[in-house]
Amino acid sequence: MTTSRRSFLRYASLTPFSLWIPQAFAEATPDQLARSTPESQGVFSERILEFLAAVEKEKFELHSFMMLRHGKVIAEGWWKPYGPEFVHTMYSMSKSFTSTAVGFAVAEGKLSVEDKVVSFFPDDLPATISENLAAMRVKDLLTMATGNEKEPTGVMVKEENWARAFLAQNIAHAPGTQFMYNSAATYMCSAIVQRLTHQTVLDYLTPRLFAPLGIQGMKWETCPHGINTGGWGLSIQTEGMAKFGQFLLQKGKWNGEQLLPAAWVEEATRFHIQQPGGDKPDRPKAKNDWMQGYGYQFWRCQGTGFRGDGAFGQFTIVLPEQDAVIVMTSENKNMQGQLDLVWKHLLPAFGAPIGEGMKRTLNLNLMPQQGGKTSPAAKDRTFRLETNDLGLKTAAMGFKDDTCSFTADDHKIICGFESWQRCEAAFPGTPPRLISGGMPKQTPLSKIAASAAWTDDRTLVMQWRYYETPHSDTVTCVFDDDNVTISFLNSITAMNPKAKDVRAPLKGNAAA
């Protein structure tokens, strides 16, 4: 990732893709949190800039960042082509919302965390119910202490009836005694809420959480039975995550109204169970944010904070001692390293003398594909493709001064040279995803920001960034006279140098 550090002097220069450290206070609206300056809320703005410099130096890929103090946004930014209006896939950050749905159901007297899981699924139970399965409580689902012999999500999502598949797994340990990360357990929480309310978790939370907080546009994937996946699959805007964090910081209160009992928020976010393991050669347990204990689908952090988090660095960090919330979306393999930068640079930012501060904006941009804009091979051509797993018949290239188009059958993606070009397409095999569960049966229409460049006279490289997810594809077209080879590498696979993209290269010949 490359981030421009060029500062702007005029307010008119501010774009949605800048980091904004505001100059003046702005009142909250029904849809937006209040804005203020770091110094007026006792935060050193220079520390925030140091954090951004460290992000760039360490080559972490952030997509958005928002920092709140005393309920006000004091810094926010999106790395182009990401933006404040777009949702972002949350992966396991979804779990914390599912936990909150359980909290509302408990508050309404629909269930207790001591209720037995088997009581909700009389038609899905195995022929023989083991003592451990019979003992499993909702609380054990929430704390990931179900007692499963193996993490069951991979097995579960291959079946039509996920609840039945979960209940059929071997429960080797007494529930409540051992922590094992378990996304399927969160799905079961979602299924229980739907059984009791006859609404998906998304629909159930909308009037209770999302609407009061002014959060809109969220989406949530479902299982084959129409139940929200629970442990993953939520897409939401950055400010929606920040509002959720502030809601938790305020112990369930919003605009003076107690939406969720404070006792539930305290119970859900406190230490319940210890993860197994200890000191490692390169990191002591005390400095490992995945070893500080677990609550009801919330992680405890170093110090007194807690967080919801999702794969590749989707974070909502709540710091009660500092009265602060920090939100990040990203695509990073080293999530601990990402948190380390927060503790190193942002935690010491608190305690500045109260003052007016000054406005700063920084241009934030994920670098488009680098290389040349033209080549002798840059000709408008159509290729007949050999038989392939994607089922594509033809591929066509078209070139203009500042853009090129790639069309496979009727799937068209327009790329900018030295810039991002936005488009939508349902290209087979996209977007990349970490888990198959909840994947639509038909290829979804994805929002794509694309760029391209010639890396030599025969090679055109395209970046397709699916900007409502953390992920992207690198698509390489190698031209050899009238032949083309098109290869794919998604950003998840690229994190493992030994892995290969499951999509075989496409090979084609120029049509007559």
Protein backbone atom coordinates (compact mmCIF):
# COMPACT_ATOMS: atom_id res chain seq x y z
CA MET A 1 0.00 0.00 0.00
CA THR A 2 1.21 3.50 -0.78
CA THR A 3 -0.35 6.48 0.97
CA SER A 4 0.28 10.03 -0.11
CA ARG A 5 1.25 12.28 2.83
CA ARG A 6 0.63 15.55 0.97
CA SER A 7 -1.19 18.03 3.20
CA PHE A 8 -3.86 20.39 1.99
CA LEU A 9 -4.30 23.95 3.21
CA ARG A 10 -7.81 24.76 2.06
CA TYR A 11 -11.07 23.23 3.27
CA ALA A 12 -12.17 22.96 -0.37
CA SER A 13 -9.44 20.40 -0.89
CA LEU A 14 -11.11 17.97 1.49
CA THR A 15 -12.49 14.88 -0.25
CA PRO A 16 -14.27 11.79 1.14
CA PHE A 17 -10.99 9.95 0.61
CA SER A 18 -8.93 12.11 2.94
CA LEU A 19 -8.11 11.80 6.57
CA TRP A 20 -9.89 14.66 8.23
CA ILE A 21 -8.81 16.05 11.56
CA PRO A 22 -11.59 18.64 11.87
CA GLN A 23 -11.13 22.30 12.64
CA ALA A 24 -14.35 22.94 14.48
CA PHE A 25 -17.14 21.23 16.34
CA ALA A 26 -20.12 19.98 14.33
CA GLU A 27 -23.35 18.89 16.02
CA ALA A 28 -24.58 15.35 15.58
CA THR A 29 -27.35 14.69 13.08
CA PRO A 30 -29.79 11.75 12.97
CA ASP A 31 -27.42 10.02 10.53
CA GLN A 32 -24.01 11.24 11.69
CA LEU A 33 -22.03 11.45 14.88
CA ALA A 34 -20.85 14.84 16.12
CA ARG A 35 -17.45 16.02 14.87
CA SER A 36 -14.82 17.81 16.92
CA THR A 37 -11.08 18.47 16.98
CA PRO A 38 -8.60 16.15 18.70
CA GLU A 39 -7.16 18.85 20.95
CA SER A 40 -10.60 20.05 22.08
CA GLN A 41 -11.22 16.49 23.28
CA GLY A 42 -7.81 16.12 24.91
CA VAL A 43 -6.06 14.16 22.15
CA PHE A 44 -2.74 14.97 20.48
CA SER A 45 -3.41 15.20 16.74
CA GLU A 46 0.30 14.63 16.04
CA ARG A 47 -0.04 11.13 17.50
CA ILE A 48 -2.76 10.37 14.98
CA LEU A 49 -0.49 11.51 12.17
CA GLU A 50 2.29 9.34 13.58
CA PHE A 51 -0.08 6.38 13.54
CA LEU A 52 -0.81 6.97 9.86
CA ALA A 53 2.88 7.31 9.09
CA ALA A 54 3.52 4.00 10.85
CA VAL A 55 0.70 2.34 8.89
CA GLU A 56 2.37 3.46 5.68
CA LYS A 57 5.86 2.49 6.81
CA GLU A 58 4.78 -0.99 7.92
CA LYS A 59 2.79 -1.45 4.68
CA PHE A 60 -0.51 -2.17 6.37
CA GLU A 61 -3.45 -1.77 4.02
CA LEU A 62 -6.16 0.24 5.75
CA HIS A 63 -9.46 0.95 4.00
CA SER A 64 -10.96 3.24 6.62
CA PHE A 65 -10.16 4.71 10.03
CA MET A 66 -12.31 6.57 12.53
CA MET A 67 -11.45 7.74 16.04
CA LEU A 68 -13.95 8.98 18.63
CA ARG A 69 -13.42 10.70 21.97
CA HIS A 70 -16.23 11.68 24.33
CA GLY A 71 -18.74 10.63 21.68
CA LYS A 72 -17.34 12.85 18.94
CA VAL A 73 -15.43 11.95 15.78
CA ILE A 74 -11.99 13.55 16.02
CA ALA A 75 -10.38 11.89 12.98
CA GLU A 76 -11.73 9.94 10.02
CA GLY A 77 -10.46 8.77 6.67
CA TRP A 78 -11.01 6.39 3.78
CA TRP A 79 -8.35 5.17 1.39
CA LYS A 80 -9.59 5.65 -2.16
CA PRO A 81 -11.41 3.78 -3.76
CA TYR A 82 -13.11 3.03 -0.41
CA GLY A 83 -15.46 5.70 0.92
CA PRO A 84 -17.85 6.58 3.77
CA GLU A 85 -20.96 5.76 1.75
CA PHE A 86 -19.95 2.16 1.05
CA VAL A 87 -20.50 -0.84 3.29
CA HIS A 88 -17.60 -3.17 4.03
CA THR A 89 -17.58 -6.90 4.78
CA MET A 90 -17.01 -7.38 8.52
CA TYR A 91 -16.22 -11.10 8.73
CA SER A 92 -16.20 -12.07 12.45
CA MET A 93 -16.90 -8.52 13.59
CA SER A 94 -20.44 -9.73 12.77
CA LYS A 95 -20.32 -11.91 15.90
CA SER A 96 -20.55 -8.93 18.24
CA PHE A 97 -23.78 -7.81 16.56
CA THR A 98 -25.23 -11.32 16.88
CA SER A 99 -24.35 -11.28 20.58
CA THR A 100 -26.17 -7.97 20.90
CA ALA A 101 -29.26 -9.49 19.29
CA VAL A 102 -29.16 -12.22 21.95
CA GLY A 103 -28.92 -9.45 24.54
CA PHE A 104 -32.08 -7.79 23.27
CA ALA A 105 -33.90 -11.15 23.30
CA VAL A 106 -32.77 -11.75 26.89
CA ALA A 107 -33.90 -8.25 27.88
CA GLU A 108 -37.32 -8.95 26.36
CA GLY A 109 -37.65 -12.18 28.31
CA LYS A 110 -37.52 -14.42 25.27
CA LEU A 111 -34.63 -16.54 26.58
CA SER A 112 -31.90 -16.88 29.19
CA VAL A 113 -28.23 -17.56 28.60
CA GLU A 114 -28.70 -20.60 30.85
CA ASP A 115 -31.24 -22.15 28.44
CA LYS A 116 -30.13 -25.42 26.91
CA VAL A 117 -29.33 -25.30 23.20
CA VAL A 118 -31.13 -28.58 22.45
CA SER A 119 -34.42 -27.09 23.71
CA PHE A 120 -34.63 -24.82 20.65
CA PHE A 121 -34.15 -27.53 18.01
CA PRO A 122 -36.36 -30.54 18.82
CA ASP A 123 -36.61 -31.56 15.15
CA ASP A 124 -32.89 -31.34 14.44
CA LEU A 125 -31.42 -33.43 17.26
CA PRO A 126 -29.31 -36.53 16.67
CA ALA A 127 -30.80 -39.94 17.52
CA THR A 128 -28.57 -40.11 20.61
CA ILE A 129 -28.07 -36.97 22.66
CA SER A 130 -24.84 -37.10 24.61
CA GLU A 131 -24.57 -35.79 28.14
CA ASN A 132 -22.34 -32.96 26.96
CA LEU A 133 -24.69 -31.92 24.15
CA ALA A 134 -27.61 -31.95 26.56
CA ALA A 135 -25.66 -29.69 28.94
CA MET A 136 -24.70 -27.06 26.33
CA ARG A 137 -26.18 -23.63 27.14
CA VAL A 138 -26.67 -20.46 25.12
CA LYS A 139 -23.90 -19.02 27.30
CA ASP A 140 -21.54 -21.69 26.00
CA LEU A 141 -22.32 -20.66 22.43
CA LEU A 142 -21.64 -17.02 23.30
CA THR A 143 -18.30 -17.74 25.01
CA MET A 144 -17.13 -20.28 22.41
CA ALA A 145 -16.95 -22.96 25.07
CA THR A 146 -19.29 -25.47 23.44
CA GLY A 147 -16.98 -28.42 23.99
CA ASN A 148 -16.69 -29.35 20.32
CA GLU A 149 -13.94 -31.84 19.50
CA LYS A 150 -13.17 -29.92 16.29
CA GLU A 151 -14.22 -26.52 14.99
CA PRO A 152 -17.44 -27.46 13.15
CA THR A 153 -17.99 -24.55 10.76
CA GLY A 154 -16.34 -26.14 7.71
CA VAL A 155 -18.48 -29.27 8.08
CA MET A 156 -21.64 -27.34 8.92
CA VAL A 157 -21.69 -25.05 5.89
CA LYS A 158 -21.55 -28.00 3.48
CA GLU A 159 -24.99 -29.15 4.63
CA GLU A 160 -28.48 -27.88 3.83
CA ASN A 161 -29.56 -27.79 7.49
CA TRP A 162 -26.76 -26.08 9.41
CA ALA A 163 -28.34 -26.41 12.86
CA ARG A 164 -28.78 -30.17 12.42
CA ALA A 165 -25.18 -30.48 11.24
CA PHE A 166 -23.91 -28.53 14.26
CA LEU A 167 -25.87 -30.66 16.72
CA ALA A 168 -24.54 -33.85 15.11
CA GLN A 169 -20.91 -32.99 15.91
CA ASN A 170 -19.04 -34.69 18.72
CA ILE A 171 -19.07 -32.67 21.94
CA ALA A 172 -15.92 -34.10 23.48
CA HIS A 173 -15.58 -31.77 26.46
CA ALA A 174 -17.94 -30.50 29.13
CA PRO A 175 -19.46 -27.25 27.84
CA GLY A 176 -18.17 -24.15 29.55
CA THR A 177 -14.74 -25.59 30.33
CA GLN A 178 -12.61 -24.99 27.24
CA PHE A 179 -12.40 -22.13 24.75
CA MET A 180 -12.20 -23.01 21.05
CA TYR A 181 -12.89 -20.44 18.36
CA ASN A 182 -16.19 -21.50 16.83
CA SER A 183 -18.05 -19.49 14.17
CA ALA A 184 -20.72 -22.19 13.96
CA ALA A 185 -21.63 -21.49 17.59
CA THR A 186 -22.42 -17.89 16.64
CA TYR A 187 -24.61 -19.16 13.79
CA MET A 188 -26.54 -21.17 16.36
CA CYS A 189 -27.14 -17.96 18.35
CA SER A 190 -28.56 -16.39 15.18
CA ALA A 191 -30.75 -19.45 14.59
CA ILE A 192 -32.07 -19.31 18.17
CA VAL A 193 -32.97 -15.63 17.86
CA GLN A 194 -34.82 -16.36 14.62
CA ARG A 195 -36.66 -19.32 16.17
CA LEU A 196 -37.88 -17.13 19.02
CA THR A 197 -38.68 -13.92 17.13
CA HIS A 198 -39.54 -15.25 13.65
CA GLN A 199 -37.17 -12.60 12.29
CA THR A 200 -33.61 -12.74 11.06
CA VAL A 201 -31.05 -11.14 13.35
CA LEU A 202 -30.79 -8.29 10.82
CA ASP A 203 -34.53 -7.65 10.87
CA TYR A 204 -34.70 -8.07 14.63
CA LEU A 205 -31.87 -5.61 15.26
CA THR A 206 -33.12 -2.98 12.83
CA PRO A 207 -35.79 -1.30 15.03
CA ARG A 208 -33.87 -2.00 18.25
CA LEU A 209 -30.33 -0.98 17.27
CA PHE A 210 -29.76 0.08 13.69
CA ALA A 211 -32.67 2.52 13.29
CA PRO A 212 -32.19 4.30 16.66
CA LEU A 213 -28.48 4.73 15.88
CA GLY A 214 -29.19 5.98 12.35
CA ILE A 215 -27.39 3.05 10.70
CA GLN A 216 -28.63 2.23 7.19
CA GLY A 217 -27.67 0.11 4.20
CA MET A 218 -26.39 -2.90 6.17
CA LYS A 219 -26.58 -6.39 4.62
CA TRP A 220 -26.20 -9.87 6.10
CA GLU A 221 -25.68 -13.21 4.35
CA THR A 222 -27.96 -16.15 5.07
CA CYS A 223 -27.77 -19.94 5.24
CA PRO A 224 -29.86 -22.17 2.93
CA HIS A 225 -32.75 -21.91 5.44
CA GLY A 226 -32.75 -18.10 5.36
CA ILE A 227 -31.05 -17.61 8.74
CA ASN A 228 -28.36 -14.91 8.99
CA THR A 229 -24.94 -16.54 9.16
CA GLY A 230 -24.32 -14.86 12.52
CA GLY A 231 -20.58 -15.45 12.85
CA TRP A 232 -19.78 -13.66 9.59
CA GLY A 233 -21.51 -12.10 6.60
CA LEU A 234 -22.50 -8.63 7.88
CA SER A 235 -21.62 -5.65 5.70
CA ILE A 236 -21.90 -2.18 7.22
CA GLN A 237 -20.45 1.30 6.84
CA THR A 238 -17.50 2.50 8.91
CA GLU A 239 -19.58 5.04 10.80
CA GLY A 240 -22.09 2.29 11.60
CA MET A 241 -19.28 0.39 13.34
CA ALA A 242 -18.27 3.56 15.18
CA LYS A 243 -21.82 4.15 16.37
CA PHE A 244 -22.01 0.55 17.57
CA GLY A 245 -18.78 1.04 19.51
CA GLN A 246 -20.08 4.27 21.06
CA PHE A 247 -23.35 2.50 21.95
CA LEU A 248 -21.33 -0.14 23.81
CA LEU A 249 -19.14 2.51 25.46
CA GLN A 250 -22.34 4.17 26.70
CA LYS A 251 -23.50 0.78 28.03
CA GLY A 252 -26.50 0.48 25.77
CA LYS A 253 -27.71 4.08 25.97
CA TRP A 254 -28.31 6.29 22.93
CA ASN A 255 -29.60 9.87 22.86
CA GLY A 256 -30.56 9.54 26.49
CA GLU A 257 -32.57 6.35 26.01
CA GLN A 258 -31.48 3.01 27.46
CA LEU A 259 -31.97 0.73 24.45
CA LEU A 260 -30.21 -2.29 25.94
CA PRO A 261 -29.73 -2.86 29.68
CA ALA A 262 -26.34 -1.67 30.89
CA ALA A 263 -26.00 -4.91 32.85
CA TRP A 264 -26.07 -6.90 29.60
CA VAL A 265 -23.36 -4.78 27.96
CA GLU A 266 -21.19 -5.17 31.05
CA GLU A 267 -21.80 -8.92 31.11
CA ALA A 268 -21.19 -9.36 27.38
CA THR A 269 -17.92 -7.45 27.31
CA ARG A 270 -16.28 -8.70 30.52
CA PHE A 271 -13.82 -11.59 30.87
CA HIS A 272 -15.59 -14.98 30.87
CA ILE A 273 -13.08 -17.55 29.67
CA GLN A 274 -9.35 -17.75 29.01
CA GLN A 275 -7.98 -18.80 25.66
CA PRO A 276 -5.51 -21.69 25.81
CA GLY A 277 -1.80 -21.02 25.46
CA GLY A 278 0.87 -18.90 27.07
CA ASP A 279 4.03 -16.98 26.30
CA LYS A 280 5.58 -17.42 22.86
CA PRO A 281 9.22 -16.85 21.90
CA ASP A 282 8.33 -13.72 19.94
CA ARG A 283 5.45 -12.44 22.10
CA PRO A 284 4.59 -12.75 25.79
CA LYS A 285 1.00 -13.59 26.66
CA ALA A 286 0.49 -10.15 28.23
CA LYS A 287 1.15 -8.53 24.83
CA ASN A 288 -1.03 -10.92 22.83
CA ASP A 289 -4.49 -9.46 22.17
CA TRP A 290 -5.91 -12.91 21.47
CA MET A 291 -4.89 -14.12 24.95
CA GLN A 292 -6.63 -11.54 27.15
CA GLY A 293 -9.88 -13.45 27.66
CA TYR A 294 -13.20 -13.68 25.85
CA GLY A 295 -16.71 -12.44 26.61
CA TYR A 296 -19.97 -12.93 24.77
CA GLN A 297 -18.52 -12.66 21.25
CA PHE A 298 -16.19 -9.85 22.32
CA TRP A 299 -12.42 -10.03 22.80
CA ARG A 300 -10.72 -8.43 25.75
CA CYS A 301 -7.72 -6.24 24.85
CA GLN A 302 -4.46 -5.42 26.54
CA GLY A 303 -5.32 -3.02 29.32
CA THR A 304 -8.99 -2.33 30.06
CA GLY A 305 -10.46 -2.24 26.57
CA PHE A 306 -12.46 -4.71 24.54
CA ARG A 307 -13.20 -5.15 20.86
CA GLY A 308 -15.11 -6.86 18.14
CA ASP A 309 -12.88 -7.95 15.30
CA GLY A 310 -13.01 -9.72 11.98
CA ALA A 311 -10.56 -11.41 9.65
CA PHE A 312 -8.05 -9.19 7.82
CA GLY A 313 -8.37 -6.36 10.34
CA GLN A 314 -11.98 -5.26 10.79
CA PHE A 315 -11.91 -3.65 14.25
CA THR A 316 -14.21 -1.84 16.63
CA ILE A 317 -12.06 -1.10 19.69
CA VAL A 318 -13.77 0.30 22.79
CA LEU A 319 -11.58 2.00 25.41
CA PRO A 320 -13.74 2.80 28.47
CA GLU A 321 -10.84 4.23 30.50
CA GLN A 322 -10.11 6.74 27.72
CA ASP A 323 -13.80 7.23 26.77
CA ALA A 324 -12.82 6.46 23.18
CA VAL A 325 -13.64 4.25 20.21
CA ILE A 326 -11.30 3.33 17.35
CA VAL A 327 -12.59 1.73 14.15
CA MET A 328 -10.62 0.29 11.24
CA THR A 329 -11.44 -1.68 8.10
CA SER A 330 -8.59 -3.22 6.17
CA GLU A 331 -7.00 -6.22 4.50
CA ASN A 332 -4.06 -7.29 6.60
CA LYS A 333 -2.65 -10.68 7.49
CA ASN A 334 -0.91 -9.43 10.64
CA MET A 335 -3.83 -8.26 12.77
CA GLN A 336 -1.73 -8.20 15.94
CA GLY A 337 0.75 -5.91 14.22
CA GLN A 338 -2.12 -3.61 13.28
CA LEU A 339 -3.25 -3.47 16.92
CA ASP A 340 0.34 -2.90 18.05
CA LEU A 341 0.37 0.36 16.10
CA VAL A 342 -2.82 1.43 17.88
CA TRP A 343 -1.29 0.77 21.31
CA LYS A 344 2.00 2.39 20.35
CA HIS A 345 0.70 5.58 18.75
CA LEU A 346 -2.98 6.16 19.55
CA LEU A 347 -3.13 5.10 23.18
CA PRO A 348 -0.49 7.70 24.16
CA ALA A 349 -2.46 10.34 22.24
CA PHE A 350 -4.88 10.80 25.13
CA GLY A 351 -4.13 13.49 27.69
CA ALA A 352 -3.39 16.51 25.53
CA PRO A 353 -4.08 19.97 26.98
CA ILE A 354 -7.54 21.11 25.94
CA GLY A 355 -7.21 23.55 23.04
CA GLU A 356 -8.56 24.42 19.62
CA GLY A 357 -6.00 22.56 17.54
CA MET A 358 -5.92 22.98 13.79
CA LYS A 359 -7.52 21.38 10.78
CA ARG A 360 -5.45 18.88 8.79
CA THR A 361 -6.32 16.82 5.75
CA LEU A 362 -4.21 14.14 4.16
CA ASN A 363 -4.87 12.53 0.82
CA LEU A 364 -5.36 8.78 1.32
CA ASN A 365 -5.15 6.56 -1.71
CA LEU A 366 -4.47 2.91 -2.42
CA MET A 367 -2.08 3.11 -5.34
CA PRO A 368 -3.57 2.10 -8.72
CA GLN A 369 -1.69 -0.44 -10.80
CA GLN A 370 1.70 0.98 -11.75
CA GLY A 371 3.27 0.78 -15.22
CA GLY A 372 2.77 2.14 -18.71
CA LYS A 373 -0.41 3.40 -20.35
CA THR A 374 0.28 2.02 -23.81
CA SER A 375 1.92 -0.87 -25.63
CA PRO A 376 2.15 -2.21 -29.20
CA ALA A 377 -0.20 -4.98 -27.98
CA ALA A 378 -2.87 -2.46 -26.98
CA LYS A 379 -5.32 -3.38 -29.75
CA ASP A 380 -9.07 -3.83 -29.63
CA ARG A 381 -9.47 -7.58 -30.03
CA THR A 382 -11.78 -10.46 -29.19
CA PHE A 383 -10.43 -13.89 -28.23
CA ARG A 384 -12.17 -17.25 -28.32
CA LEU A 385 -11.42 -19.00 -25.04
CA GLU A 386 -10.59 -22.63 -24.60
CA THR A 387 -12.97 -24.64 -22.41
CA ASN A 388 -12.57 -23.45 -18.83
CA ASP A 389 -14.03 -23.94 -15.34
CA LEU A 390 -15.52 -20.44 -15.31
CA GLY A 391 -17.70 -21.30 -18.31
CA LEU A 392 -16.55 -18.28 -20.31
CA LYS A 393 -16.56 -18.37 -24.13
CA THR A 394 -14.92 -15.11 -25.20
CA ALA A 395 -12.72 -12.34 -23.87
CA ALA A 396 -12.42 -8.92 -25.47
CA MET A 397 -10.06 -5.99 -24.87
CA GLY A 398 -10.75 -2.38 -25.73
CA PHE A 399 -8.42 0.59 -25.25
CA LYS A 400 -8.86 4.35 -24.94
CA ASP A 401 -6.47 7.07 -23.79
CA ASP A 402 -7.16 6.78 -20.08
CA THR A 403 -9.11 3.53 -19.77
CA CYS A 404 -9.26 0.00 -21.03
CA SER A 405 -12.12 -2.46 -20.92
CA PHE A 406 -12.04 -6.19 -20.32
CA THR A 407 -15.16 -8.08 -21.36
CA ALA A 408 -15.66 -11.81 -20.83
CA ASP A 409 -18.95 -12.91 -22.40
CA ASP A 410 -21.28 -10.19 -21.07
CA HIS A 411 -19.20 -9.32 -17.97
CA LYS A 412 -17.52 -5.97 -18.55
CA ILE A 413 -14.92 -4.35 -16.29
CA ILE A 414 -13.52 -0.91 -17.10
CA CYS A 415 -10.06 -0.07 -15.77
CA GLY A 416 -8.42 3.31 -15.39
CA PHE A 417 -4.79 3.92 -16.31
CA GLU A 418 -3.11 5.52 -13.29
CA SER A 419 -6.54 5.86 -11.68
CA TRP A 420 -9.46 3.86 -10.28
CA GLN A 421 -12.50 3.37 -12.50
CA ARG A 422 -15.72 2.28 -10.79
CA CYS A 423 -18.03 -0.28 -12.34
CA GLU A 424 -20.25 -3.22 -11.42
CA ALA A 425 -19.96 -6.79 -12.68
CA ALA A 426 -20.89 -10.35 -11.75
CA PHE A 427 -17.70 -11.95 -13.02
CA PRO A 428 -17.65 -15.72 -12.33
CA GLY A 429 -15.61 -16.69 -9.28
CA THR A 430 -15.73 -13.24 -7.68
CA PRO A 431 -15.42 -11.68 -5.21
CA PRO A 432 -12.81 -13.60 -3.20
CA ARG A 433 -14.08 -14.81 0.17
CA LEU A 434 -12.65 -16.60 3.19
CA ILE A 435 -15.60 -18.90 3.90
CA SER A 436 -18.12 -20.49 1.54
CA GLY A 437 -21.04 -20.47 3.96
CA GLY A 438 -23.67 -17.91 2.96
CA MET A 439 -22.23 -17.53 -0.53
CA PRO A 440 -25.02 -16.68 -3.00
CA LYS A 441 -25.94 -19.42 -5.43
CA GLN A 442 -25.57 -16.98 -8.31
CA THR A 443 -22.48 -14.81 -8.72
CA PRO A 444 -23.37 -11.50 -7.06
CA LEU A 445 -23.12 -8.15 -8.77
CA SER A 446 -20.03 -6.61 -7.20
CA LYS A 447 -18.96 -3.01 -6.98
CA ILE A 448 -15.47 -2.90 -8.45
CA ALA A 449 -12.81 -0.22 -8.65
CA ALA A 450 -10.35 -1.24 -11.35
CA SER A 451 -7.02 0.00 -12.62
CA ALA A 452 -4.59 -1.31 -15.23
CA ALA A 453 -1.07 -0.80 -16.53
CA TRP A 454 1.35 -2.36 -18.99
CA THR A 455 4.29 -3.89 -17.10
CA ASP A 456 6.02 -4.69 -20.42
CA ASP A 457 5.07 -4.68 -24.11
CA ARG A 458 3.18 -7.98 -23.82
CA THR A 459 1.76 -7.89 -20.28
CA LEU A 460 -1.27 -5.98 -19.07
CA VAL A 461 -1.95 -6.20 -15.32
CA MET A 462 -5.32 -5.25 -13.90
CA GLN A 463 -6.33 -4.69 -10.28
CA TRP A 464 -9.98 -5.38 -9.54
CA ARG A 465 -10.73 -4.09 -6.06
CA TYR A 466 -14.10 -5.22 -4.65
CA TYR A 467 -14.51 -2.17 -2.46
CA GLU A 468 -17.43 -3.43 -0.39
CA THR A 469 -15.15 -6.26 0.78
CA PRO A 470 -11.55 -6.29 2.01
CA HIS A 471 -10.40 -8.14 -1.11
CA SER A 472 -9.13 -7.71 -4.65
CA ASP A 473 -7.99 -9.65 -7.70
CA THR A 474 -4.84 -9.18 -9.74
CA VAL A 475 -5.58 -10.23 -13.33
CA THR A 476 -2.63 -10.62 -15.68
CA CYS A 477 -3.08 -10.77 -19.48
CA VAL A 478 -0.07 -11.94 -21.48
CA PHE A 479 -0.38 -11.40 -25.24
CA ASP A 480 1.60 -13.51 -27.72
CA ASP A 481 0.71 -12.48 -31.28
CA ASP A 482 -2.90 -13.69 -31.65
CA ASN A 483 -2.95 -15.60 -28.38
CA VAL A 484 -3.68 -14.49 -24.81
CA THR A 485 -3.26 -16.10 -21.41
CA ILE A 486 -5.29 -14.59 -18.56
CA SER A 487 -4.31 -15.55 -15.01
CA PHE A 488 -5.84 -14.65 -11.65
CA LEU A 489 -4.50 -14.10 -8.15
CA ASN A 490 -6.87 -13.04 -5.40
CA SER A 491 -5.59 -11.06 -2.43
CA ILE A 492 -6.36 -13.80 0.11
CA THR A 493 -4.24 -16.30 -1.80
CA ALA A 494 -1.51 -13.70 -2.33
CA MET A 495 -0.95 -13.60 1.44
CA ASN A 496 0.36 -17.16 1.23
CA PRO A 497 3.29 -17.27 -1.21
CA LYS A 498 2.97 -21.05 -1.60
CA ALA A 499 -0.72 -21.02 -2.49
CA LYS A 500 -2.18 -20.88 -5.99
CA ASP A 501 -5.44 -19.36 -7.10
CA VAL A 502 -8.07 -22.05 -7.64
CA ARG A 503 -8.99 -20.46 -10.99
CA ALA A 504 -6.92 -21.92 -13.80
CA PRO A 505 -5.60 -19.44 -16.39
CA LEU A 506 -7.82 -18.71 -19.36
CA LYS A 507 -6.28 -19.28 -22.79
CA GLY A 508 -7.63 -17.80 -26.00
CA ASN A 509 -7.02 -17.19 -29.69
CA ALA A 510 -7.93 -14.03 -31.57
CA ALA A 511 -11.26 -14.33 -33.38
CA ALA A 512 -11.26 -13.88 -37.11
